Amino acid sequence: MTGWTSRQLDTIATADDFRTAPFRGDGVTPGTLIWVWAVHVADAIFVRSENPESRWFAAAIRQRAGIASFGDFSGPVVFTHVTDGPTKDLVDAAYTAKYGDDPYFSAGLLARSREQIARVLPIRPTDRS
């Protein structure tokens, strides 16, 4: 598995253009790209869904792969559900730092979406097997 470049992580830190689409049930066809808030912690990008009933997030966790597009990157990614508390705390802090001034951001949003956090890493097609 390859990682994000410093430039890509810098883009995530400053831009708000992350779009992603998990693969459909066939494991090959991506769904429609949707815009989501994204942050980086260390060498990974994290996304979350406020809605516990989110179909895109459920598909991302079920399929574990899809596509993403932002900055100079457009390609396949792997999703990993974040379940450990310390990582969730770091991601919450990153979201607060990046989106804290956004009118849609709130402590309630963080609380509601704490179970819907995924780590996103770029992959080569052979990395998924």
N, C-alpha and C. Protein backbone atom coordinates (compact mmCIF):
# COMPACT_ATOMS: atom_id res chain seq x y z
N MET A 1 0.85 -1.18 0.00
CA MET A 1 0.00 0.00 0.00
C MET A 1 0.88 1.24 0.00
N THR A 2 0.50 2.20 -0.77
CA THR A 2 1.23 3.45 -0.83
C THR A 2 0.54 4.46 0.08
N GLY A 3 1.24 5.52 0.44
CA GLY A 3 0.65 6.53 1.30
C GLY A 3 0.42 7.83 0.56
N TRP A 4 -0.14 8.77 1.27
CA TRP A 4 -0.35 10.11 0.71
C TRP A 4 0.96 10.85 0.66
N THR A 5 1.11 11.75 -0.29
CA THR A 5 2.29 12.60 -0.37
C THR A 5 2.12 13.77 0.60
N SER A 6 3.20 14.42 0.93
CA SER A 6 3.13 15.62 1.79
C SER A 6 2.25 16.68 1.14
N ARG A 7 2.36 16.83 -0.16
CA ARG A 7 1.56 17.82 -0.88
C ARG A 7 0.06 17.50 -0.76
N GLN A 8 -0.30 16.23 -0.89
CA GLN A 8 -1.70 15.85 -0.76
C GLN A 8 -2.21 16.09 0.65
N LEU A 9 -1.41 15.78 1.65
CA LEU A 9 -1.83 16.03 3.03
C LEU A 9 -1.95 17.53 3.29
N ASP A 10 -1.05 18.33 2.70
CA ASP A 10 -1.15 19.79 2.83
C ASP A 10 -2.44 20.30 2.18
N THR A 11 -2.81 19.69 1.05
CA THR A 11 -4.05 20.08 0.38
C THR A 11 -5.25 19.82 1.28
N ILE A 12 -5.27 18.66 1.93
CA ILE A 12 -6.37 18.34 2.83
C ILE A 12 -6.42 19.32 3.99
N ALA A 13 -5.26 19.73 4.47
CA ALA A 13 -5.20 20.66 5.61
C ALA A 13 -5.80 22.02 5.26
N THR A 14 -5.70 22.43 3.99
CA THR A 14 -6.11 23.78 3.64
C THR A 14 -7.33 23.86 2.74
N ALA A 15 -7.63 22.82 1.99
CA ALA A 15 -8.73 22.87 1.02
C ALA A 15 -9.95 22.12 1.55
N ASP A 16 -11.03 22.34 0.88
CA ASP A 16 -12.28 21.70 1.28
C ASP A 16 -12.95 21.12 0.04
N ASP A 17 -12.20 20.28 -0.68
CA ASP A 17 -12.74 19.76 -1.95
C ASP A 17 -12.69 18.24 -2.04
N PHE A 18 -12.67 17.53 -0.90
CA PHE A 18 -12.57 16.07 -0.91
C PHE A 18 -13.89 15.45 -1.32
N ARG A 19 -13.82 14.62 -2.35
CA ARG A 19 -15.00 13.89 -2.82
C ARG A 19 -14.66 12.41 -2.83
N THR A 20 -15.65 11.60 -2.49
CA THR A 20 -15.40 10.16 -2.43
C THR A 20 -16.64 9.39 -2.84
N ALA A 21 -16.39 8.16 -3.28
CA ALA A 21 -17.48 7.25 -3.65
C ALA A 21 -17.02 5.83 -3.39
N PRO A 22 -17.67 5.13 -2.46
CA PRO A 22 -17.35 3.72 -2.27
C PRO A 22 -17.78 2.93 -3.51
N PHE A 23 -17.18 1.76 -3.68
CA PHE A 23 -17.61 0.88 -4.76
C PHE A 23 -19.00 0.34 -4.45
N ARG A 24 -19.73 0.05 -5.50
CA ARG A 24 -21.04 -0.58 -5.36
C ARG A 24 -20.86 -2.05 -4.99
N GLY A 25 -21.92 -2.79 -4.88
CA GLY A 25 -21.89 -4.19 -4.47
C GLY A 25 -21.03 -5.08 -5.32
N ASP A 26 -20.78 -4.69 -6.59
CA ASP A 26 -19.94 -5.53 -7.45
C ASP A 26 -18.46 -5.38 -7.11
N GLY A 27 -18.13 -4.42 -6.23
CA GLY A 27 -16.74 -4.23 -5.82
C GLY A 27 -15.86 -3.57 -6.86
N VAL A 28 -16.46 -3.09 -7.94
CA VAL A 28 -15.69 -2.50 -9.04
C VAL A 28 -16.22 -1.14 -9.45
N THR A 29 -17.53 -1.01 -9.51
CA THR A 29 -18.17 0.21 -10.00
C THR A 29 -18.33 1.21 -8.86
N PRO A 30 -17.72 2.41 -9.00
CA PRO A 30 -17.90 3.40 -7.93
C PRO A 30 -19.28 4.03 -8.00
N GLY A 31 -19.77 4.43 -6.84
CA GLY A 31 -21.00 5.20 -6.78
C GLY A 31 -20.72 6.62 -7.23
N THR A 32 -21.66 7.50 -6.98
CA THR A 32 -21.51 8.91 -7.32
C THR A 32 -20.59 9.59 -6.31
N LEU A 33 -19.63 10.35 -6.80
CA LEU A 33 -18.75 11.10 -5.89
C LEU A 33 -19.58 12.09 -5.08
N ILE A 34 -19.36 12.10 -3.77
CA ILE A 34 -20.01 13.08 -2.91
C ILE A 34 -18.94 13.86 -2.16
N TRP A 35 -19.25 15.10 -1.84
CA TRP A 35 -18.34 15.95 -1.10
C TRP A 35 -18.49 15.65 0.38
N VAL A 36 -17.36 15.43 1.07
CA VAL A 36 -17.38 15.21 2.52
C VAL A 36 -16.25 16.01 3.15
N TRP A 37 -16.43 16.35 4.40
CA TRP A 37 -15.36 16.98 5.15
C TRP A 37 -14.26 15.95 5.37
N ALA A 38 -13.03 16.39 5.22
CA ALA A 38 -11.89 15.49 5.39
C ALA A 38 -10.78 16.22 6.13
N VAL A 39 -10.08 15.47 6.97
CA VAL A 39 -8.93 16.00 7.70
C VAL A 39 -7.80 14.99 7.60
N HIS A 40 -6.60 15.48 7.91
CA HIS A 40 -5.52 14.50 7.99
C HIS A 40 -4.94 14.52 9.39
N VAL A 41 -4.59 13.33 9.84
CA VAL A 41 -3.91 13.11 11.11
C VAL A 41 -2.74 12.20 10.78
N ALA A 42 -1.53 12.67 11.10
CA ALA A 42 -0.31 11.94 10.76
C ALA A 42 -0.28 11.73 9.26
N ASP A 43 -0.20 10.49 8.81
CA ASP A 43 -0.07 10.23 7.37
C ASP A 43 -1.35 9.71 6.74
N ALA A 44 -2.49 9.88 7.39
CA ALA A 44 -3.75 9.38 6.85
C ALA A 44 -4.78 10.50 6.75
N ILE A 45 -5.73 10.28 5.87
CA ILE A 45 -6.88 11.17 5.71
C ILE A 45 -8.07 10.47 6.37
N PHE A 46 -8.89 11.27 7.04
CA PHE A 46 -10.07 10.73 7.72
C PHE A 46 -11.31 11.47 7.23
N VAL A 47 -12.38 10.72 7.04
CA VAL A 47 -13.69 11.27 6.68
C VAL A 47 -14.70 10.74 7.68
N ARG A 48 -15.84 11.40 7.73
CA ARG A 48 -16.88 10.93 8.65
C ARG A 48 -18.23 11.30 8.08
N SER A 49 -19.24 10.63 8.59
CA SER A 49 -20.62 10.92 8.22
C SER A 49 -21.39 11.27 9.48
N GLU A 50 -22.08 12.39 9.45
CA GLU A 50 -22.88 12.78 10.61
C GLU A 50 -24.07 11.84 10.80
N ASN A 51 -24.58 11.31 9.72
CA ASN A 51 -25.80 10.52 9.75
C ASN A 51 -25.49 9.04 9.99
N PRO A 52 -25.94 8.47 11.10
CA PRO A 52 -25.70 7.05 11.36
C PRO A 52 -26.35 6.13 10.31
N GLU A 53 -27.33 6.64 9.58
CA GLU A 53 -28.00 5.86 8.53
C GLU A 53 -27.39 6.11 7.16
N SER A 54 -26.25 6.76 7.11
CA SER A 54 -25.62 7.12 5.84
C SER A 54 -25.33 5.91 4.97
N ARG A 55 -25.88 5.92 3.76
CA ARG A 55 -25.64 4.81 2.83
C ARG A 55 -24.22 4.83 2.29
N TRP A 56 -23.66 6.04 2.03
CA TRP A 56 -22.31 6.06 1.48
C TRP A 56 -21.32 5.53 2.51
N PHE A 57 -21.50 5.90 3.79
CA PHE A 57 -20.56 5.43 4.81
C PHE A 57 -20.69 3.92 5.01
N ALA A 58 -21.90 3.42 5.06
CA ALA A 58 -22.11 1.97 5.20
C ALA A 58 -21.46 1.23 4.04
N ALA A 59 -21.61 1.75 2.83
CA ALA A 59 -20.98 1.11 1.66
C ALA A 59 -19.46 1.17 1.76
N ALA A 60 -18.93 2.29 2.22
CA ALA A 60 -17.47 2.42 2.35
C ALA A 60 -16.91 1.37 3.31
N ILE A 61 -17.59 1.15 4.41
CA ILE A 61 -17.13 0.18 5.40
C ILE A 61 -17.34 -1.25 4.89
N ARG A 62 -18.45 -1.47 4.23
CA ARG A 62 -18.74 -2.81 3.71
C ARG A 62 -17.80 -3.18 2.56
N GLN A 63 -17.62 -2.28 1.60
CA GLN A 63 -16.79 -2.56 0.43
C GLN A 63 -15.30 -2.37 0.71
N ARG A 64 -14.99 -1.52 1.70
CA ARG A 64 -13.61 -1.22 2.11
C ARG A 64 -12.78 -0.54 1.02
N ALA A 65 -13.41 -0.13 -0.07
CA ALA A 65 -12.67 0.52 -1.15
C ALA A 65 -13.62 1.35 -2.00
N GLY A 66 -13.02 2.26 -2.75
CA GLY A 66 -13.78 3.12 -3.64
C GLY A 66 -12.82 4.04 -4.35
N ILE A 67 -13.31 5.25 -4.64
CA ILE A 67 -12.47 6.25 -5.28
C ILE A 67 -12.56 7.55 -4.49
N ALA A 68 -11.57 8.40 -4.69
CA ALA A 68 -11.57 9.73 -4.07
C ALA A 68 -10.98 10.71 -5.07
N SER A 69 -11.33 11.97 -4.89
CA SER A 69 -10.82 13.02 -5.75
C SER A 69 -10.67 14.29 -4.92
N PHE A 70 -9.48 14.88 -5.00
CA PHE A 70 -9.21 16.18 -4.36
C PHE A 70 -7.87 16.67 -4.88
N GLY A 71 -7.69 17.98 -4.92
CA GLY A 71 -6.41 18.53 -5.36
C GLY A 71 -5.92 17.85 -6.63
N ASP A 72 -4.69 17.32 -6.56
CA ASP A 72 -4.11 16.65 -7.73
C ASP A 72 -4.31 15.14 -7.72
N PHE A 73 -5.16 14.63 -6.81
CA PHE A 73 -5.37 13.19 -6.70
C PHE A 73 -6.75 12.81 -7.20
N SER A 74 -6.79 11.75 -7.96
CA SER A 74 -8.05 11.13 -8.35
C SER A 74 -7.73 9.66 -8.57
N GLY A 75 -8.29 8.80 -7.71
CA GLY A 75 -7.96 7.39 -7.86
C GLY A 75 -8.58 6.52 -6.79
N PRO A 76 -8.17 5.25 -6.79
CA PRO A 76 -8.74 4.28 -5.84
C PRO A 76 -8.20 4.49 -4.43
N VAL A 77 -9.08 4.20 -3.47
CA VAL A 77 -8.72 4.33 -2.05
C VAL A 77 -9.27 3.14 -1.29
N VAL A 78 -8.73 2.93 -0.12
CA VAL A 78 -9.23 1.93 0.81
C VAL A 78 -9.78 2.65 2.03
N PHE A 79 -10.92 2.18 2.55
CA PHE A 79 -11.55 2.73 3.75
C PHE A 79 -11.38 1.74 4.89
N THR A 80 -11.01 2.25 6.05
CA THR A 80 -10.92 1.42 7.25
C THR A 80 -11.72 2.10 8.35
N HIS A 81 -12.68 1.38 8.91
CA HIS A 81 -13.51 1.92 9.99
C HIS A 81 -12.64 2.17 11.22
N VAL A 82 -12.72 3.36 11.77
CA VAL A 82 -11.95 3.71 12.97
C VAL A 82 -12.78 3.36 14.19
N THR A 83 -12.24 2.49 15.03
CA THR A 83 -12.98 2.05 16.22
C THR A 83 -12.26 2.37 17.53
N ASP A 84 -10.98 2.76 17.46
CA ASP A 84 -10.26 3.01 18.71
C ASP A 84 -10.40 4.45 19.17
N GLY A 85 -10.63 4.61 20.46
CA GLY A 85 -10.87 5.91 21.06
C GLY A 85 -9.77 6.94 20.85
N PRO A 86 -8.48 6.58 21.06
CA PRO A 86 -7.42 7.58 20.88
C PRO A 86 -7.38 8.16 19.46
N THR A 87 -7.60 7.32 18.45
CA THR A 87 -7.62 7.84 17.08
C THR A 87 -8.83 8.73 16.87
N LYS A 88 -9.99 8.33 17.40
CA LYS A 88 -11.19 9.15 17.29
C LYS A 88 -10.94 10.52 17.93
N ASP A 89 -10.26 10.55 19.08
CA ASP A 89 -9.96 11.82 19.74
C ASP A 89 -9.09 12.71 18.86
N LEU A 90 -8.09 12.13 18.20
CA LEU A 90 -7.21 12.91 17.31
C LEU A 90 -7.99 13.43 16.11
N VAL A 91 -8.86 12.61 15.57
CA VAL A 91 -9.68 13.03 14.43
C VAL A 91 -10.65 14.13 14.86
N ASP A 92 -11.28 13.99 16.01
CA ASP A 92 -12.17 15.05 16.52
C ASP A 92 -11.42 16.37 16.65
N ALA A 93 -10.21 16.31 17.18
CA ALA A 93 -9.41 17.54 17.34
C ALA A 93 -9.07 18.15 15.98
N ALA A 94 -8.75 17.31 15.01
CA ALA A 94 -8.44 17.81 13.66
C ALA A 94 -9.67 18.45 13.02
N TYR A 95 -10.85 17.83 13.19
CA TYR A 95 -12.09 18.40 12.67
C TYR A 95 -12.39 19.74 13.34
N THR A 96 -12.19 19.81 14.65
CA THR A 96 -12.44 21.05 15.37
C THR A 96 -11.51 22.16 14.87
N ALA A 97 -10.24 21.83 14.68
CA ALA A 97 -9.27 22.82 14.20
C ALA A 97 -9.61 23.30 12.79
N LYS A 98 -10.00 22.39 11.92
CA LYS A 98 -10.25 22.76 10.52
C LYS A 98 -11.62 23.38 10.31
N TYR A 99 -12.64 22.84 10.93
CA TYR A 99 -14.01 23.23 10.63
C TYR A 99 -14.71 23.97 11.77
N GLY A 100 -14.00 24.25 12.85
CA GLY A 100 -14.61 24.87 14.02
C GLY A 100 -15.36 26.16 13.77
N ASP A 101 -14.95 26.93 12.76
CA ASP A 101 -15.62 28.19 12.45
C ASP A 101 -16.76 28.04 11.45
N ASP A 102 -16.95 26.85 10.92
CA ASP A 102 -18.02 26.62 9.94
C ASP A 102 -19.36 26.62 10.67
N PRO A 103 -20.38 27.29 10.13
CA PRO A 103 -21.68 27.34 10.82
C PRO A 103 -22.35 25.97 10.97
N TYR A 104 -21.95 25.00 10.17
CA TYR A 104 -22.54 23.66 10.28
C TYR A 104 -21.82 22.78 11.29
N PHE A 105 -20.69 23.24 11.78
CA PHE A 105 -19.91 22.47 12.75
C PHE A 105 -20.46 22.68 14.16
N SER A 106 -20.47 21.61 14.95
CA SER A 106 -20.87 21.74 16.35
C SER A 106 -20.32 20.56 17.14
N ALA A 107 -20.30 20.71 18.44
CA ALA A 107 -19.89 19.60 19.30
C ALA A 107 -20.87 18.44 19.13
N GLY A 108 -22.13 18.74 18.89
CA GLY A 108 -23.13 17.71 18.65
C GLY A 108 -22.84 16.91 17.39
N LEU A 109 -22.38 17.60 16.35
CA LEU A 109 -22.01 16.90 15.12
C LEU A 109 -20.89 15.90 15.40
N LEU A 110 -19.88 16.33 16.17
CA LEU A 110 -18.78 15.41 16.52
C LEU A 110 -19.31 14.21 17.28
N ALA A 111 -20.18 14.45 18.23
CA ALA A 111 -20.72 13.36 19.05
C ALA A 111 -21.55 12.40 18.20
N ARG A 112 -22.40 12.94 17.32
CA ARG A 112 -23.26 12.09 16.47
C ARG A 112 -22.46 11.28 15.45
N SER A 113 -21.31 11.79 15.05
CA SER A 113 -20.56 11.15 13.98
C SER A 113 -19.35 10.36 14.48
N ARG A 114 -19.21 10.24 15.77
CA ARG A 114 -18.02 9.59 16.34
C ARG A 114 -17.89 8.11 15.93
N GLU A 115 -18.98 7.45 15.65
CA GLU A 115 -18.93 6.05 15.22
C GLU A 115 -18.83 5.91 13.71
N GLN A 116 -18.91 7.01 12.99
CA GLN A 116 -18.86 6.98 11.53
C GLN A 116 -17.60 7.68 11.02
N ILE A 117 -16.45 7.22 11.46
CA ILE A 117 -15.16 7.77 11.02
C ILE A 117 -14.43 6.68 10.25
N ALA A 118 -13.87 7.05 9.10
CA ALA A 118 -13.09 6.10 8.31
C ALA A 118 -11.74 6.70 7.94
N ARG A 119 -10.71 5.88 8.02
CA ARG A 119 -9.38 6.23 7.53
C ARG A 119 -9.39 5.96 6.03
N VAL A 120 -8.82 6.88 5.25
CA VAL A 120 -8.79 6.74 3.80
C VAL A 120 -7.33 6.77 3.36
N LEU A 121 -6.93 5.74 2.65
CA LEU A 121 -5.57 5.67 2.11
C LEU A 121 -5.63 5.33 0.63
N PRO A 122 -4.70 5.87 -0.15
CA PRO A 122 -4.69 5.53 -1.58
C PRO A 122 -4.20 4.09 -1.77
N ILE A 123 -4.69 3.45 -2.82
CA ILE A 123 -4.26 2.08 -3.10
C ILE A 123 -3.96 1.90 -4.58
N ARG A 124 -3.16 0.91 -4.84
CA ARG A 124 -3.02 0.39 -6.20
C ARG A 124 -4.09 -0.68 -6.32
N PRO A 125 -4.56 -0.97 -7.52
CA PRO A 125 -5.62 -1.98 -7.66
C PRO A 125 -5.26 -3.32 -7.02
N THR A 126 -4.00 -3.70 -7.00
CA THR A 126 -3.62 -4.99 -6.42
C THR A 126 -3.59 -4.97 -4.89
N ASP A 127 -3.61 -3.78 -4.27
CA ASP A 127 -3.55 -3.67 -2.81
C ASP A 127 -4.84 -4.14 -2.16
N ARG A 128 -5.95 -4.17 -2.88
CA ARG A 128 -7.25 -4.45 -2.27
C ARG A 128 -7.46 -5.91 -1.94
N SER A 129 -6.76 -6.80 -2.58
CA SER A 129 -7.00 -8.23 -2.36
C SER A 129 -6.51 -8.72 -1.03
